[in-house]
Amino acid sequence: MPEEYDVVILGAGTGGYVTAIKAAQEGLKTAIVEKDKVGGTCLHKGCIPSKSLLRSAEVYSELKNSEQYGITANDVSIQFDKVQARKDMIVQQLHHGVEQLMQKGKIDIYQGHGRILGSSIFSPIAGTISVEMEDGSENIMLLPKNVIVATGSRPKTFSDLKPDGDQVMTSDEALNLDELPKSIIIVGGGVIGIEFASMMSDFEVDVTIVEYASSILPEEDEAISKHMKKTLENRGVKVLTNANIKPEKTQKSDVVTLVLDGEGKEVEISAEKVLLSIGRKANIEDIGLENTEIETNNECIVTNPYYQSKESHIYAIGDVIGGMQLAHVASHEGLVAIDHIKNNSPSPIDSTTIPRCTYSRPEVASIGLTETQARQQGYSVKTGSVSFRSNGKALVFGDTEGFTKFVINEQNDDLLGVHMIGAHVTELISEASLAKLIDASNLEISETIHPHPSLSELIGEAALAVEGKAIHS
């Protein structure tokens, strides 16, 4: 007979395992089905390994420029095998920690590929899970009261330009390079592309970014996008926008040659490696959706604000439902789903309260609406910006690149958006997140006492700048 559960989660990525812990805390008998390792893409192929490599690249850059601090560092070099070893050690440590959390929560883990079955002898409704075990043993049947699909996503590719794992890569392969290339073309100027561009540039790789849109980081405030482009170009990165790649004309030899169609004429560019960072595709194939009434749109599962699909006992969270494909979003969606299962009356997530971060050099962090988005939605806005150059801690730290920008509703002083570029802004954005959550005005933020000297003073200064009353700029 099938093993019965209150909740079975397909996928043990960040969204899946956080949801499982929440379910266990709520007293629900919980199981996870995962064909790979717990931790998923974020831990093993995304957030954590990429940030480890970015940190190593940042340290290398700092050591090369240490004379500005009065420190001479001779014979600074990259030992890339040790860079990768450090990354692997961090991933292994966190992976072990997640496994311990599963044990602590008494969460059963089935190592295999899970598929949702339709109505059968086991259940009159769809939702029984058949687990094809990785060890080749007989399939195991799980009978849950609720299912949560958290199968994540994978990198998108071109039909005429498939990754070969060597010359043409996705982020999966790029994170596991044995050695650094001399040159690389990064196709896509979104978050993943910019992070890799920053990392490779700091590792002294010749970098070219190719972006189809008119700007890199096209989802960010226009001022942020322009500043990032200028900063990368000052570091020697070539940035090509409004560039349409012709994947079918790609040539491979000792280098990879791409053909771009820009403004009516074709241009060839070449590099040792090509990284495709053109977005991610939801993993919804071969998980049994055809056995259910679940609806999809744009190759993603359709849910209501509580993450229920059309089958009310089957939920979906994270990258499989599209939207903001971020680990912290998937986790919070899972918390909402469990609270809904428990009838705890959760509040739907407001997308304008979700922080977005790019861990490049300089970092980018934002929340809420850009100035353009706010105006397009009919708001009358006022803005305020302050430069890192006016901040004492930034000067001490030795990195005055960037600024903080507030977008405020002129009618009632509500905070519509905060946009930051500069050192450590991915940490600073949390204050803006809290301010957005509690609906603080720019006046209330400006009256918050910030320690001196600290980068956090930039938040208060930007809030004052909206009214033309910034103290230090």
Protein backbone atom coordinates (compact mmCIF):
# COMPACT_ATOMS: atom_id res chain seq x y z
CA MET A 1 0.00 0.00 0.00
CA PRO A 2 1.15 3.58 -0.64
CA GLU A 3 2.73 5.53 2.19
CA GLU A 4 0.33 8.26 3.32
CA TYR A 5 1.42 11.87 3.93
CA ASP A 6 -0.18 15.20 4.66
CA VAL A 7 2.20 16.89 2.20
CA VAL A 8 4.50 15.58 -0.52
CA ILE A 9 6.81 18.09 -2.18
CA LEU A 10 8.29 17.48 -5.62
CA GLY A 11 11.73 19.07 -5.55
CA ALA A 12 14.16 19.81 -2.71
CA GLY A 13 15.53 23.14 -3.86
CA THR A 14 15.44 26.18 -1.61
CA GLY A 15 11.68 26.54 -2.04
CA GLY A 16 11.05 22.83 -1.56
CA TYR A 17 13.13 22.19 1.53
CA VAL A 18 12.06 25.42 3.28
CA THR A 19 8.44 24.47 2.61
CA ALA A 20 9.06 20.99 4.00
CA ILE A 21 10.52 22.43 7.22
CA LYS A 22 7.53 24.76 7.61
CA ALA A 23 5.13 21.85 7.03
CA ALA A 24 6.89 19.73 9.63
CA GLN A 25 6.80 22.61 12.11
CA GLU A 26 3.04 22.79 11.56
CA GLY A 27 2.70 19.12 12.51
CA LEU A 28 2.17 17.83 8.98
CA LYS A 29 3.61 14.46 7.99
CA THR A 30 5.90 15.49 5.15
CA ALA A 31 7.98 13.92 2.40
CA ILE A 32 10.20 15.30 -0.36
CA VAL A 33 10.89 13.64 -3.69
CA GLU A 34 14.21 14.72 -5.21
CA LYS A 35 16.13 13.05 -8.04
CA ASP A 36 19.37 14.91 -7.29
CA LYS A 37 20.70 16.55 -4.12
CA VAL A 38 18.71 18.46 -1.52
CA GLY A 39 19.42 22.15 -1.90
CA GLY A 40 18.62 22.23 -5.60
CA THR A 41 19.88 24.72 -8.15
CA CYS A 42 20.50 27.56 -5.69
CA LEU A 43 22.86 25.56 -3.51
CA HIS A 44 24.57 23.41 -6.13
CA LYS A 45 24.35 25.27 -9.45
CA GLY A 46 23.39 28.85 -8.71
CA CYS A 47 23.28 31.26 -5.79
CA ILE A 48 25.93 29.80 -3.52
CA PRO A 49 28.65 28.61 -5.93
CA SER A 50 28.39 31.77 -8.03
CA LYS A 51 28.71 34.02 -4.99
CA SER A 52 31.74 32.06 -3.81
CA LEU A 53 33.46 32.61 -7.17
CA LEU A 54 32.43 36.27 -7.15
CA ARG A 55 34.00 36.72 -3.74
CA SER A 56 37.28 35.16 -4.87
CA ALA A 57 37.30 37.44 -7.91
CA GLU A 58 36.61 40.46 -5.69
CA VAL A 59 39.47 39.58 -3.33
CA TYR A 60 41.84 39.20 -6.29
CA SER A 61 40.82 42.63 -7.57
CA GLU A 62 41.30 44.17 -4.11
CA LEU A 63 44.76 42.67 -3.73
CA LYS A 64 45.83 43.99 -7.12
CA ASN A 65 44.73 47.46 -6.02
CA SER A 66 45.89 47.26 -2.41
CA GLU A 67 48.34 50.15 -2.76
CA GLN A 68 45.46 52.60 -2.35
CA TYR A 69 45.31 51.37 1.27
CA GLY A 70 49.05 51.74 1.75
CA ILE A 71 49.59 48.00 1.37
CA THR A 72 51.95 46.48 -1.19
CA ALA A 73 51.04 42.97 -2.31
CA ASN A 74 53.61 41.40 -4.62
CA ASP A 75 53.17 38.47 -7.00
CA VAL A 76 49.40 38.26 -6.62
CA SER A 77 48.11 35.39 -8.73
CA ILE A 78 45.02 33.24 -9.23
CA GLN A 79 45.13 29.57 -8.26
CA PHE A 80 41.86 28.66 -9.88
CA ASP A 81 41.85 25.08 -8.65
CA LYS A 82 41.87 26.43 -5.08
CA VAL A 83 39.14 28.94 -5.98
CA GLN A 84 36.99 26.04 -7.11
CA ALA A 85 37.94 23.93 -4.09
CA ARG A 86 36.79 26.72 -1.76
CA LYS A 87 33.50 26.94 -3.63
CA ASP A 88 32.98 23.17 -3.38
CA MET A 89 33.76 23.19 0.35
CA ILE A 90 31.11 25.87 1.00
CA VAL A 91 28.51 23.98 -1.04
CA GLN A 92 29.29 20.70 0.74
CA GLN A 93 29.03 22.34 4.16
CA LEU A 94 25.65 23.88 3.38
CA HIS A 95 24.43 20.66 1.76
CA HIS A 96 25.27 18.76 4.93
CA GLY A 97 23.42 21.41 6.93
CA VAL A 98 20.27 21.01 4.84
CA GLU A 99 20.40 17.23 5.24
CA GLN A 100 20.58 17.70 9.00
CA LEU A 101 17.57 20.01 8.89
CA MET A 102 15.62 17.30 7.06
CA GLN A 103 16.53 14.79 9.78
CA LYS A 104 15.65 17.26 12.52
CA GLY A 105 12.21 17.81 11.02
CA LYS A 106 11.65 14.05 10.52
CA ILE A 107 11.07 14.74 6.83
CA ASP A 108 11.22 11.66 4.61
CA ILE A 109 13.33 12.02 1.46
CA TYR A 110 12.73 9.79 -1.56
CA GLN A 111 15.68 9.82 -3.95
CA GLY A 112 14.07 9.53 -7.35
CA HIS A 113 11.89 11.08 -10.03
CA GLY A 114 8.34 11.84 -8.90
CA ARG A 115 5.30 11.89 -11.18
CA ILE A 116 1.73 12.85 -10.36
CA LEU A 117 -0.76 10.12 -11.21
CA GLY A 118 -4.40 10.58 -12.15
CA SER A 119 -7.30 8.97 -10.35
CA SER A 120 -6.58 5.32 -9.66
CA ILE A 121 -7.18 2.47 -7.26
CA PHE A 122 -5.17 4.46 -4.73
CA SER A 123 -7.21 7.69 -4.89
CA PRO A 124 -10.37 8.95 -6.63
CA ILE A 125 -8.58 12.21 -7.48
CA ALA A 126 -5.24 13.03 -9.10
CA GLY A 127 -2.32 13.42 -6.76
CA THR A 128 -0.82 10.03 -5.95
CA ILE A 129 2.94 10.29 -6.49
CA SER A 130 4.85 7.53 -8.25
CA VAL A 131 8.55 7.69 -7.41
CA GLU A 132 10.93 6.14 -9.90
CA MET A 133 13.80 5.34 -7.56
CA GLU A 134 17.35 6.38 -8.48
CA ASP A 135 18.74 3.06 -7.29
CA GLY A 136 16.63 1.19 -9.85
CA SER A 137 14.41 -0.49 -7.29
CA GLU A 138 10.67 -0.85 -7.76
CA ASN A 139 8.62 2.37 -7.95
CA ILE A 140 7.27 3.62 -4.62
CA MET A 141 3.75 5.05 -4.35
CA LEU A 142 3.03 8.00 -2.04
CA LEU A 143 -0.52 9.05 -1.17
CA PRO A 144 -0.55 12.69 -0.03
CA LYS A 145 -3.45 14.86 1.04
CA ASN A 146 -1.62 17.78 -0.59
CA VAL A 147 1.07 18.02 -3.25
CA ILE A 148 3.44 20.96 -3.73
CA VAL A 149 5.28 21.17 -7.05
CA ALA A 150 8.68 22.84 -6.56
CA THR A 151 10.68 21.35 -9.42
CA GLY A 152 12.51 24.57 -10.27
CA SER A 153 13.97 25.53 -13.62
CA ARG A 154 16.94 25.08 -15.94
CA PRO A 155 18.84 27.43 -18.25
CA LYS A 156 17.20 28.36 -21.53
CA THR A 157 19.10 27.77 -24.75
CA PHE A 158 18.70 28.52 -28.45
CA SER A 159 17.36 25.73 -30.65
CA ASP A 160 20.20 26.42 -33.11
CA LEU A 161 22.90 26.93 -30.47
CA LYS A 162 22.96 24.14 -27.91
CA PRO A 163 25.49 24.06 -25.08
CA ASP A 164 28.28 21.53 -25.60
CA GLY A 165 29.61 21.96 -22.07
CA ASP A 166 32.94 23.19 -23.39
CA GLN A 167 32.98 26.06 -25.87
CA VAL A 168 29.30 26.91 -25.43
CA MET A 169 28.08 26.82 -21.84
CA THR A 170 25.20 27.62 -19.56
CA SER A 171 25.76 28.77 -16.01
CA ASP A 172 25.75 25.11 -14.93
CA GLU A 173 28.98 24.41 -16.80
CA ALA A 174 30.52 27.85 -16.27
CA LEU A 175 30.51 27.35 -12.50
CA ASN A 176 32.68 24.23 -12.87
CA LEU A 177 35.39 25.41 -15.24
CA ASP A 178 38.77 23.74 -14.69
CA GLU A 179 40.58 26.86 -15.84
CA LEU A 180 39.72 30.41 -16.80
CA PRO A 181 39.36 31.20 -20.50
CA LYS A 182 41.24 34.06 -22.11
CA SER A 183 38.02 35.50 -23.52
CA ILE A 184 34.29 34.97 -23.17
CA ILE A 185 31.11 36.23 -24.83
CA ILE A 186 28.15 36.41 -22.46
CA VAL A 187 24.83 36.28 -24.29
CA GLY A 188 22.32 38.04 -22.06
CA GLY A 189 22.77 41.12 -19.88
CA GLY A 190 20.38 40.18 -17.11
CA VAL A 191 21.34 39.34 -13.53
CA ILE A 192 23.17 36.08 -14.30
CA GLY A 193 25.03 37.59 -17.25
CA ILE A 194 26.14 40.65 -15.30
CA GLU A 195 27.34 38.59 -12.35
CA PHE A 196 29.46 36.40 -14.63
CA ALA A 197 30.72 39.46 -16.52
CA SER A 198 31.84 41.07 -13.26
CA MET A 199 33.46 37.86 -12.03
CA MET A 200 35.30 37.11 -15.28
CA SER A 201 36.43 40.71 -15.62
CA ASP A 202 37.91 40.64 -12.11
CA PHE A 203 39.65 37.39 -13.05
CA GLU A 204 41.19 39.32 -16.00
CA VAL A 205 39.20 37.51 -18.69
CA ASP A 206 38.35 39.53 -21.82
CA VAL A 207 34.55 39.90 -21.57
CA THR A 208 31.91 40.88 -24.13
CA ILE A 209 28.24 41.15 -23.17
CA VAL A 210 25.61 40.78 -25.89
CA GLU A 211 22.13 42.00 -24.91
CA TYR A 212 19.04 41.97 -27.14
CA ALA A 213 17.33 44.78 -25.22
CA SER A 214 18.35 48.42 -25.30
CA SER A 215 20.05 48.20 -21.89
CA ILE A 216 21.67 45.71 -19.57
CA LEU A 217 19.76 44.85 -16.38
CA PRO A 218 16.60 45.91 -18.24
CA GLU A 219 14.36 45.22 -15.23
CA GLU A 220 16.22 47.73 -13.08
CA ASP A 221 15.77 51.49 -12.83
CA GLU A 222 17.20 53.22 -15.91
CA ALA A 223 19.77 55.09 -13.81
CA ILE A 224 21.05 51.79 -12.38
CA SER A 225 21.37 50.21 -15.84
CA LYS A 226 23.29 53.19 -17.22
CA HIS A 227 25.63 53.30 -14.24
CA MET A 228 26.38 49.58 -14.45
CA LYS A 229 27.13 49.81 -18.17
CA LYS A 230 29.51 52.71 -17.62
CA THR A 231 31.24 50.96 -14.72
CA LEU A 232 31.75 47.69 -16.62
CA GLU A 233 33.02 49.52 -19.68
CA ASN A 234 35.51 51.43 -17.51
CA ARG A 235 36.81 48.02 -16.42
CA GLY A 236 37.30 46.97 -20.05
CA VAL A 237 34.09 44.98 -20.56
CA LYS A 238 32.55 45.43 -24.01
CA VAL A 239 28.78 45.90 -23.80
CA LEU A 240 26.71 45.44 -26.97
CA THR A 241 23.00 46.31 -26.67
CA ASN A 242 20.20 46.14 -29.24
CA ALA A 243 22.12 43.12 -30.53
CA ASN A 244 20.21 40.23 -32.05
CA ILE A 245 22.26 37.04 -32.17
CA LYS A 246 21.89 34.74 -35.20
CA PRO A 247 22.45 31.38 -33.50
CA GLU A 248 22.18 29.39 -36.74
CA LYS A 249 25.29 31.17 -38.10
CA THR A 250 27.54 30.26 -35.18
CA GLN A 251 30.95 28.90 -36.16
CA LYS A 252 33.27 26.83 -33.99
CA SER A 253 37.00 26.28 -34.37
CA ASP A 254 39.67 27.29 -31.87
CA VAL A 255 37.24 30.05 -30.93
CA VAL A 256 33.48 30.48 -31.18
CA THR A 257 32.29 33.10 -33.66
CA LEU A 258 28.83 34.58 -33.24
CA VAL A 259 26.97 36.61 -35.84
CA LEU A 260 24.99 39.60 -34.58
CA ASP A 261 22.37 41.57 -36.43
CA GLY A 262 22.54 45.11 -35.14
CA GLU A 263 20.81 48.00 -36.83
CA GLY A 264 20.47 46.23 -40.16
CA LYS A 265 24.01 44.89 -40.61
CA GLU A 266 25.71 41.71 -39.51
CA VAL A 267 28.76 41.78 -37.27
CA GLU A 268 30.98 38.88 -36.21
CA ILE A 269 32.50 38.58 -32.74
CA SER A 270 34.68 35.76 -31.42
CA ALA A 271 35.85 34.39 -28.08
CA GLU A 272 37.26 31.24 -26.55
CA LYS A 273 34.02 30.54 -24.68
CA VAL A 274 30.36 31.53 -24.97
CA LEU A 275 28.04 31.66 -21.96
CA LEU A 276 24.30 31.57 -22.63
CA SER A 277 22.42 33.48 -19.93
CA ILE A 278 19.12 34.15 -21.65
CA GLY A 279 16.76 33.17 -18.88
CA ARG A 280 15.44 30.00 -17.31
CA LYS A 281 12.78 27.46 -18.29
CA ALA A 282 10.37 25.89 -15.79
CA ASN A 283 10.79 22.15 -15.16
CA ILE A 284 7.22 21.02 -15.78
CA GLU A 285 7.83 18.18 -18.25
CA ASP A 286 7.49 14.55 -17.24
CA ILE A 287 6.03 15.24 -13.79
CA GLY A 288 2.51 14.06 -14.64
CA LEU A 289 0.69 17.36 -15.21
CA GLU A 290 -1.15 15.71 -18.09
CA ASN A 291 -2.83 13.45 -15.51
CA THR A 292 -4.39 16.45 -13.76
CA GLU A 293 -6.59 19.46 -14.48
CA ILE A 294 -3.65 21.80 -13.78
CA GLU A 295 -3.48 24.72 -16.21
CA THR A 296 -0.28 26.20 -17.66
CA ASN A 297 0.49 29.51 -19.31
CA ASN A 298 3.75 30.42 -21.05
CA GLU A 299 5.08 27.02 -19.99
CA CYS A 300 4.50 27.75 -16.30
CA ILE A 301 1.91 26.41 -13.86
CA VAL A 302 -1.03 28.74 -13.18
CA THR A 303 -1.90 29.27 -9.51
CA ASN A 304 -4.03 31.56 -7.38
CA PRO A 305 -2.44 33.98 -4.83
CA TYR A 306 -2.11 31.10 -2.34
CA TYR A 307 -0.29 28.92 -4.90
CA GLN A 308 -3.14 26.48 -5.48
CA SER A 309 -3.41 25.12 -8.99
CA LYS A 310 -6.77 24.30 -10.60
CA GLU A 311 -6.54 21.07 -8.58
CA SER A 312 -7.11 22.65 -5.16
CA HIS A 313 -4.99 20.09 -3.28
CA ILE A 314 -2.03 20.53 -5.65
CA TYR A 315 0.07 23.65 -5.11
CA ALA A 316 3.05 25.01 -7.06
CA ILE A 317 5.80 27.41 -5.97
CA GLY A 318 9.04 28.89 -7.24
CA ASP A 319 10.36 28.95 -10.78
CA VAL A 320 7.66 26.58 -12.07
CA ILE A 321 5.06 29.34 -11.74
CA GLY A 322 7.21 32.02 -13.41
CA GLY A 323 7.23 35.52 -11.98
CA MET A 324 10.30 36.55 -10.00
CA GLN A 325 12.50 33.47 -10.19
CA LEU A 326 14.39 34.04 -6.96
CA ALA A 327 15.22 31.61 -4.17
CA HIS A 328 13.82 33.81 -1.41
CA VAL A 329 10.60 34.22 -3.38
CA ALA A 330 10.17 30.46 -3.73
CA SER A 331 10.73 30.01 0.00
CA HIS A 332 8.16 32.62 0.94
CA GLU A 333 5.65 31.19 -1.53
CA GLY A 334 6.08 27.84 0.17
CA LEU A 335 5.39 29.37 3.58
CA VAL A 336 2.20 30.92 2.25
CA ALA A 337 1.13 27.61 0.71
CA ILE A 338 1.58 25.71 3.99
CA ASP A 339 -0.26 28.40 5.94
CA HIS A 340 -3.08 28.09 3.41
CA ILE A 341 -3.16 24.30 3.82
CA LYS A 342 -3.37 24.83 7.60
CA ASN A 343 -6.09 27.49 7.23
CA ASN A 344 -3.84 30.07 8.89
CA SER A 345 -5.21 32.89 6.71
CA PRO A 346 -1.92 33.95 5.07
CA SER A 347 -1.60 37.25 3.25
CA PRO A 348 -0.79 37.03 -0.47
CA ILE A 349 2.69 38.20 -1.43
CA ASP A 350 2.92 41.73 -2.79
CA SER A 351 5.57 41.64 -5.51
CA THR A 352 6.59 45.23 -4.73
CA THR A 353 7.86 44.09 -1.31
CA ILE A 354 10.33 41.58 -2.79
CA PRO A 355 13.98 42.71 -2.90
CA ARG A 356 16.05 41.97 -6.02
CA CYS A 357 19.82 41.62 -5.89
CA THR A 358 22.68 41.37 -8.36
CA TYR A 359 25.95 40.33 -6.72
CA SER A 360 28.30 41.94 -9.21
CA ARG A 361 30.94 44.58 -8.53
CA PRO A 362 29.36 47.00 -7.85
CA GLU A 363 26.36 45.24 -6.36
CA VAL A 364 22.80 46.16 -7.31
CA ALA A 365 19.79 45.93 -4.99
CA SER A 366 16.28 47.21 -5.44
CA ILE A 367 12.73 46.89 -4.29
CA GLY A 368 9.41 48.14 -5.61
CA LEU A 369 8.78 50.19 -8.73
CA THR A 370 11.36 51.90 -10.90
CA GLU A 371 10.78 55.56 -11.64
CA THR A 372 9.58 54.69 -15.16
CA GLN A 373 7.21 51.98 -13.90
CA ALA A 374 5.76 54.34 -11.29
CA ARG A 375 5.05 57.02 -13.87
CA GLN A 376 3.58 54.46 -16.28
CA GLN A 377 1.20 53.34 -13.53
CA GLY A 378 -0.05 56.89 -13.14
CA TYR A 379 1.82 57.97 -10.03
CA SER A 380 3.05 61.51 -9.61
CA VAL A 381 6.51 60.88 -8.23
CA LYS A 382 9.39 62.66 -6.59
CA THR A 383 12.86 61.19 -6.33
CA GLY A 384 16.03 61.67 -4.34
CA SER A 385 19.52 60.33 -4.91
CA VAL A 386 22.77 60.42 -2.96
CA SER A 387 26.20 59.30 -4.10
CA PHE A 388 28.47 56.91 -2.21
CA ARG A 389 31.14 59.60 -2.59
CA SER A 390 29.40 61.60 0.15
CA ASN A 391 29.56 58.72 2.63
CA GLY A 392 32.43 58.50 5.14
CA LYS A 393 32.32 54.70 5.46
CA ALA A 394 32.46 54.32 1.67
CA LEU A 395 35.57 56.47 1.59
CA VAL A 396 37.15 54.44 4.42
CA PHE A 397 36.17 51.23 2.68
CA GLY A 398 37.81 52.48 -0.49
CA ASP A 399 34.83 52.05 -2.80
CA THR A 400 32.77 55.14 -3.56
CA GLU A 401 31.19 53.76 -6.73
CA GLY A 402 27.39 54.07 -6.87
CA PHE A 403 24.34 55.77 -5.44
CA THR A 404 21.02 55.25 -3.64
CA LYS A 405 17.77 56.43 -5.23
CA PHE A 406 14.29 56.75 -3.68
CA VAL A 407 11.07 56.88 -5.68
CA ILE A 408 8.23 58.41 -3.65
CA ASN A 409 4.52 58.95 -4.31
CA GLU A 410 4.19 62.74 -4.36
CA GLN A 411 0.55 62.57 -3.23
CA ASN A 412 1.05 60.80 0.10
CA ASP A 413 4.83 60.25 0.57
CA ASP A 414 4.46 56.47 0.24
CA LEU A 415 7.63 54.60 -0.65
CA LEU A 416 7.27 53.24 -4.20
CA GLY A 417 10.80 52.01 -4.81
CA VAL A 418 14.41 52.02 -3.65
CA HIS A 419 17.26 51.42 -6.08
CA MET A 420 20.89 51.02 -5.06
CA ILE A 421 24.18 50.34 -6.78
CA GLY A 422 27.42 50.13 -4.84
CA ALA A 423 29.37 48.10 -2.31
CA HIS A 424 27.30 45.92 0.06
CA VAL A 425 23.93 47.23 -1.14
CA THR A 426 22.59 43.66 -1.13
CA GLU A 427 22.81 43.92 2.66
CA LEU A 428 21.50 47.48 2.87
CA ILE A 429 18.33 46.70 0.90
CA SER A 430 16.81 44.86 3.87
CA GLU A 431 16.10 48.17 5.61
CA ALA A 432 14.19 49.29 2.52
CA SER A 433 12.34 45.96 2.53
CA LEU A 434 11.16 46.52 6.09
CA ALA A 435 10.22 50.12 5.29
CA LYS A 436 8.17 48.92 2.33
CA LEU A 437 6.47 46.22 4.41
CA ILE A 438 5.36 48.63 7.14
CA ASP A 439 4.48 51.33 4.61
CA ALA A 440 6.96 53.86 5.96
CA SER A 441 7.15 57.31 4.39
CA ASN A 442 10.43 58.89 3.35
CA LEU A 443 10.06 61.26 6.33
CA GLU A 444 9.85 58.33 8.76
CA ILE A 445 12.88 56.70 7.13
CA SER A 446 14.85 59.95 7.36
CA GLU A 447 14.08 60.19 11.08
CA THR A 448 15.49 56.70 11.70
CA ILE A 449 18.82 57.07 13.50
CA HIS A 450 21.61 55.41 11.53
CA PRO A 451 25.02 54.72 13.06
CA HIS A 452 27.99 56.80 11.94
CA PRO A 453 30.06 56.02 10.05
CA SER A 454 28.09 53.41 8.15
CA LEU A 455 26.91 52.76 4.62
CA SER A 456 23.38 52.60 6.04
CA GLU A 457 23.47 56.38 6.39
CA LEU A 458 22.90 56.46 2.63
CA ILE A 459 19.33 55.26 3.24
CA GLY A 460 18.51 58.17 5.52
CA GLU A 461 20.31 60.66 3.26
CA ALA A 462 18.39 59.49 0.18
CA ALA A 463 15.12 59.84 2.10
CA LEU A 464 16.07 63.42 2.95
CA ALA A 465 17.22 64.08 -0.62
CA VAL A 466 13.66 63.52 -1.83
CA GLU A 467 12.75 66.76 -0.05
CA GLY A 468 15.98 68.52 -1.04
CA LYS A 469 17.22 68.31 2.55
CA ALA A 470 20.12 65.87 2.39
CA ILE A 471 22.75 66.81 4.98
CA HIS A 472 25.95 65.51 3.41
CA SER A 473 25.35 66.00 -0.30
